[in-house]
N, C-alpha and C. Protein backbone atom coordinates (compact mmCIF):
# COMPACT_ATOMS: atom_id res chain seq x y z
N UNK A 1 7.72 -10.62 55.08
CA UNK A 1 7.98 -12.58 55.13
C UNK A 1 6.21 -12.90 55.95
N UNK A 2 5.77 -13.88 55.25
CA UNK A 2 4.15 -14.59 55.61
C UNK A 2 4.21 -15.45 55.99
N UNK A 3 3.44 -16.15 56.22
CA UNK A 3 3.06 -17.53 56.67
C UNK A 3 4.04 -18.48 55.49
N UNK A 4 4.35 -18.28 54.11
CA UNK A 4 4.90 -19.49 54.27
C UNK A 4 6.68 -19.65 54.23
N UNK A 5 6.96 -18.75 54.87
CA UNK A 5 8.35 -18.47 55.14
C UNK A 5 9.17 -17.88 54.32
N UNK A 6 10.30 -18.16 54.60
CA UNK A 6 11.37 -17.52 53.59
C UNK A 6 11.84 -18.86 52.41
N UNK A 7 11.21 -18.05 50.94
CA UNK A 7 11.17 -18.26 49.78
C UNK A 7 12.06 -17.86 48.98
N UNK A 8 12.67 -18.70 48.09
CA UNK A 8 13.73 -18.66 47.13
C UNK A 8 13.66 -16.65 46.78
N UNK A 9 12.41 -16.37 46.59
CA UNK A 9 12.21 -15.03 45.73
C UNK A 9 12.31 -14.24 47.02
N UNK A 10 12.13 -14.60 48.18
CA UNK A 10 11.80 -13.45 49.35
C UNK A 10 13.77 -13.71 49.64
N UNK A 11 14.48 -14.33 49.63
CA UNK A 11 15.88 -14.47 49.67
C UNK A 11 16.66 -13.52 48.41
N UNK A 12 16.03 -13.68 47.56
CA UNK A 12 16.92 -13.44 46.32
C UNK A 12 16.57 -11.26 46.24
N UNK A 13 15.05 -11.32 46.54
CA UNK A 13 14.98 -9.67 46.46
C UNK A 13 15.64 -9.49 47.63
N UNK A 14 15.73 -10.05 48.79
CA UNK A 14 16.40 -9.08 49.85
C UNK A 14 17.97 -8.93 49.59
N UNK A 15 18.69 -10.51 48.64
CA UNK A 15 20.02 -9.68 48.19
C UNK A 15 20.09 -9.03 46.91
N UNK A 16 19.28 -8.61 46.10
CA UNK A 16 19.26 -7.71 45.16
C UNK A 16 18.96 -6.35 45.77
N UNK A 17 18.27 -5.50 46.64
CA UNK A 17 18.27 -4.62 47.98
C UNK A 17 19.00 -4.73 48.49
N UNK A 18 20.06 -5.56 48.91
CA UNK A 18 21.50 -5.35 50.08
C UNK A 18 22.48 -4.84 49.44
N UNK A 19 22.28 -5.42 47.57
CA UNK A 19 23.52 -5.05 46.60
C UNK A 19 23.26 -3.31 46.43
N UNK A 20 22.39 -2.99 46.36
CA UNK A 20 22.06 -1.46 46.00
C UNK A 20 21.98 -0.64 47.32
N UNK A 21 21.61 -1.47 48.40
CA UNK A 21 21.60 -0.05 49.70
C UNK A 21 22.58 -1.00 50.95
N UNK A 22 23.14 -0.49 51.64
CA UNK A 22 23.84 -0.56 52.67
C UNK A 22 22.80 -1.51 53.93
N UNK A 23 21.96 -1.05 54.13
CA UNK A 23 20.84 -1.79 55.19
C UNK A 23 19.34 -1.34 54.39
N UNK A 24 19.01 -2.58 55.02
CA UNK A 24 17.54 -2.97 54.46
C UNK A 24 16.64 -3.39 55.61
N UNK A 25 15.52 -3.38 55.65
CA UNK A 25 14.20 -3.23 56.18
C UNK A 25 13.33 -4.21 55.68
N UNK A 26 13.35 -5.44 56.41
CA UNK A 26 12.16 -6.15 56.50
C UNK A 26 11.01 -6.56 57.32
N UNK A 27 9.51 -6.68 56.84
CA UNK A 27 8.62 -6.72 58.11
C UNK A 27 8.01 -8.13 57.21
N UNK A 28 7.99 -8.56 59.10
CA UNK A 28 7.17 -10.22 59.13
C UNK A 28 6.05 -9.82 59.35
N UNK A 29 4.91 -10.74 58.97
CA UNK A 29 3.46 -10.85 59.00
C UNK A 29 3.41 -11.28 60.44
N UNK A 30 2.19 -11.11 60.92
CA UNK A 30 2.09 -11.87 61.98
C UNK A 30 1.81 -13.68 61.88
N UNK A 31 1.81 -13.37 60.65
CA UNK A 31 0.99 -14.83 60.24
C UNK A 31 2.31 -15.81 60.16
N UNK A 32 3.05 -15.37 60.40
CA UNK A 32 4.76 -15.98 60.62
C UNK A 32 4.90 -15.71 61.98
N UNK A 33 4.38 -17.48 62.57
CA UNK A 33 4.71 -17.82 63.81
C UNK A 33 5.82 -18.14 64.70
N UNK A 34 6.84 -17.27 64.19
CA UNK A 34 8.25 -17.62 64.83
C UNK A 34 8.78 -16.85 65.45
N UNK A 35 9.53 -16.97 66.73
CA UNK A 35 9.77 -15.72 67.61
C UNK A 35 10.61 -14.68 66.50
N UNK A 36 10.75 -13.33 66.93
CA UNK A 36 11.19 -12.46 65.51
C UNK A 36 13.02 -12.41 65.53
N UNK A 37 13.29 -12.57 66.97
CA UNK A 37 14.88 -12.67 66.76
C UNK A 37 15.04 -13.91 65.62
N UNK A 38 14.55 -15.34 65.73
CA UNK A 38 15.16 -16.26 65.04
C UNK A 38 14.45 -16.12 63.44
N UNK A 39 13.48 -15.34 63.28
CA UNK A 39 13.03 -15.20 62.05
C UNK A 39 14.01 -14.22 61.17
N UNK A 40 14.86 -12.83 62.00
CA UNK A 40 16.11 -12.71 61.46
C UNK A 40 17.12 -13.11 61.35
N UNK A 41 17.19 -14.29 61.94
CA UNK A 41 18.34 -14.77 61.87
C UNK A 41 18.75 -15.66 60.70
N UNK A 42 17.09 -16.21 60.44
CA UNK A 42 16.95 -16.83 59.27
C UNK A 42 16.81 -16.20 57.74
N UNK A 43 16.38 -14.84 57.83
CA UNK A 43 16.24 -13.98 57.02
C UNK A 43 17.99 -13.68 56.45
N UNK A 44 18.79 -13.38 57.49
CA UNK A 44 19.80 -13.31 57.38
C UNK A 44 21.03 -14.23 56.81
N UNK A 45 20.38 -15.17 56.95
CA UNK A 45 21.37 -16.41 56.51
C UNK A 45 20.50 -16.90 54.93
N UNK A 46 19.44 -16.79 54.78
CA UNK A 46 19.02 -16.77 53.62
C UNK A 46 19.56 -15.94 52.80
N UNK A 47 19.84 -14.50 52.82
CA UNK A 47 20.17 -13.83 52.18
C UNK A 47 21.64 -13.07 52.08
N UNK A 48 22.05 -13.81 52.72
CA UNK A 48 23.64 -13.67 53.21
C UNK A 48 23.96 -12.46 53.38
N UNK A 49 23.05 -12.14 54.72
CA UNK A 49 23.95 -10.52 55.30
C UNK A 49 24.12 -10.71 56.66
N UNK A 50 24.29 -9.49 57.31
CA UNK A 50 24.26 -9.57 58.81
C UNK A 50 22.65 -8.65 59.32
N UNK A 51 22.33 -9.80 60.27
CA UNK A 51 21.29 -9.00 61.18
C UNK A 51 21.79 -8.23 61.93
N UNK A 52 21.25 -6.88 61.95
CA UNK A 52 21.55 -6.05 62.65
C UNK A 52 20.47 -5.32 63.95
N UNK A 53 18.97 -5.58 63.56
CA UNK A 53 18.33 -5.50 64.87
C UNK A 53 17.08 -5.93 64.74
N UNK A 54 16.28 -5.92 65.64
CA UNK A 54 15.06 -6.73 65.40
C UNK A 54 14.18 -5.66 66.16
N UNK A 55 13.23 -5.07 65.81
CA UNK A 55 11.88 -4.14 66.43
C UNK A 55 10.77 -4.45 65.88
N UNK A 56 10.40 -5.05 67.24
CA UNK A 56 8.64 -5.46 67.13
C UNK A 56 8.98 -6.75 65.66
N UNK A 57 7.86 -6.33 64.76
CA UNK A 57 8.27 -7.40 63.90
C UNK A 57 8.72 -6.63 62.34
N UNK A 58 9.93 -6.15 62.40
CA UNK A 58 10.90 -5.30 61.56
C UNK A 58 12.00 -5.98 61.59
N UNK A 59 12.33 -6.38 60.68
CA UNK A 59 13.91 -6.73 61.01
C UNK A 59 15.26 -5.94 59.95
N UNK A 60 16.17 -5.33 60.64
CA UNK A 60 16.99 -4.48 60.04
C UNK A 60 18.14 -5.46 59.25
N UNK A 61 18.91 -5.32 58.02
CA UNK A 61 19.88 -6.68 57.86
C UNK A 61 20.96 -5.65 57.22
N UNK A 62 22.00 -5.69 57.03
CA UNK A 62 22.98 -5.16 56.89
C UNK A 62 23.81 -5.94 55.78
N UNK A 63 24.51 -5.45 54.78
CA UNK A 63 25.47 -6.48 53.79
C UNK A 63 26.77 -6.58 54.53
N UNK A 64 27.35 -7.95 53.66
CA UNK A 64 28.49 -8.55 55.04
C UNK A 64 29.64 -7.58 53.97
């Protein structure tokens, strides 16, 4: 995820990856200037998943 935030294509790709795998890691670029926990929640909401963990600039999401 970069400076443009969560685009529809990012959300769709996360949904596709979550169909294949139970857990997905997403990296947030430094240009995205939002607190990481907020970014993780936004990614989870956009992709219909659960926020598992935030470590540094990496967000771990799980299927619901």
